[in-house]
C-alpha atoms as a PDB file:
ATOM      1  CA  ARG A   1     143.634 107.676  51.423  1.00  0.00           C
ATOM      2  CA  LEU A   2     147.294 106.750  51.571  1.00  0.00           C
ATOM      3  CA  GLY A   3     147.957 109.531  54.070  1.00  0.00           C
ATOM      4  CA  GLU A   4     145.782 107.739  56.626  1.00  0.00           C
ATOM      5  CA  ARG A   5     147.835 104.511  56.343  1.00  0.00           C
ATOM      6  CA  ILE A   6     151.144 106.386  56.480  1.00  0.00           C
ATOM      7  CA  GLU A   7     150.046 108.328  59.560  1.00  0.00           C
ATOM      8  CA  ARG A   8     149.158 105.072  61.375  1.00  0.00           C
ATOM      9  CA  LEU A   9     152.439 103.455  60.354  1.00  0.00           C
ATOM     10  CA  LEU A  10     154.401 106.482  61.561  1.00  0.00           C
ATOM     11  CA  ARG A  11     152.574 106.375  64.934  1.00  0.00           C
ATOM     12  CA  VAL A  12     153.323 102.681  65.347  1.00  0.00           C
ATOM     13  CA  HIS A  13     157.019 103.234  64.527  1.00  0.00           C
ATOM     14  CA  MET A  14     157.253 106.073  67.066  1.00  0.00           C
ATOM     15  CA  GLU A  15     155.675 103.876  69.760  1.00  0.00           C
ATOM     16  CA  TRP A  16     158.071 101.045  68.918  1.00  0.00           C
ATOM     17  CA  LYS A  17     161.067 103.294  69.564  1.00  0.00           C
END
């Protein structure tokens, strides 16, 4: 599912902040 990849990418971006 694309949603799963987007969710992981969003989490990584938030942690990078």
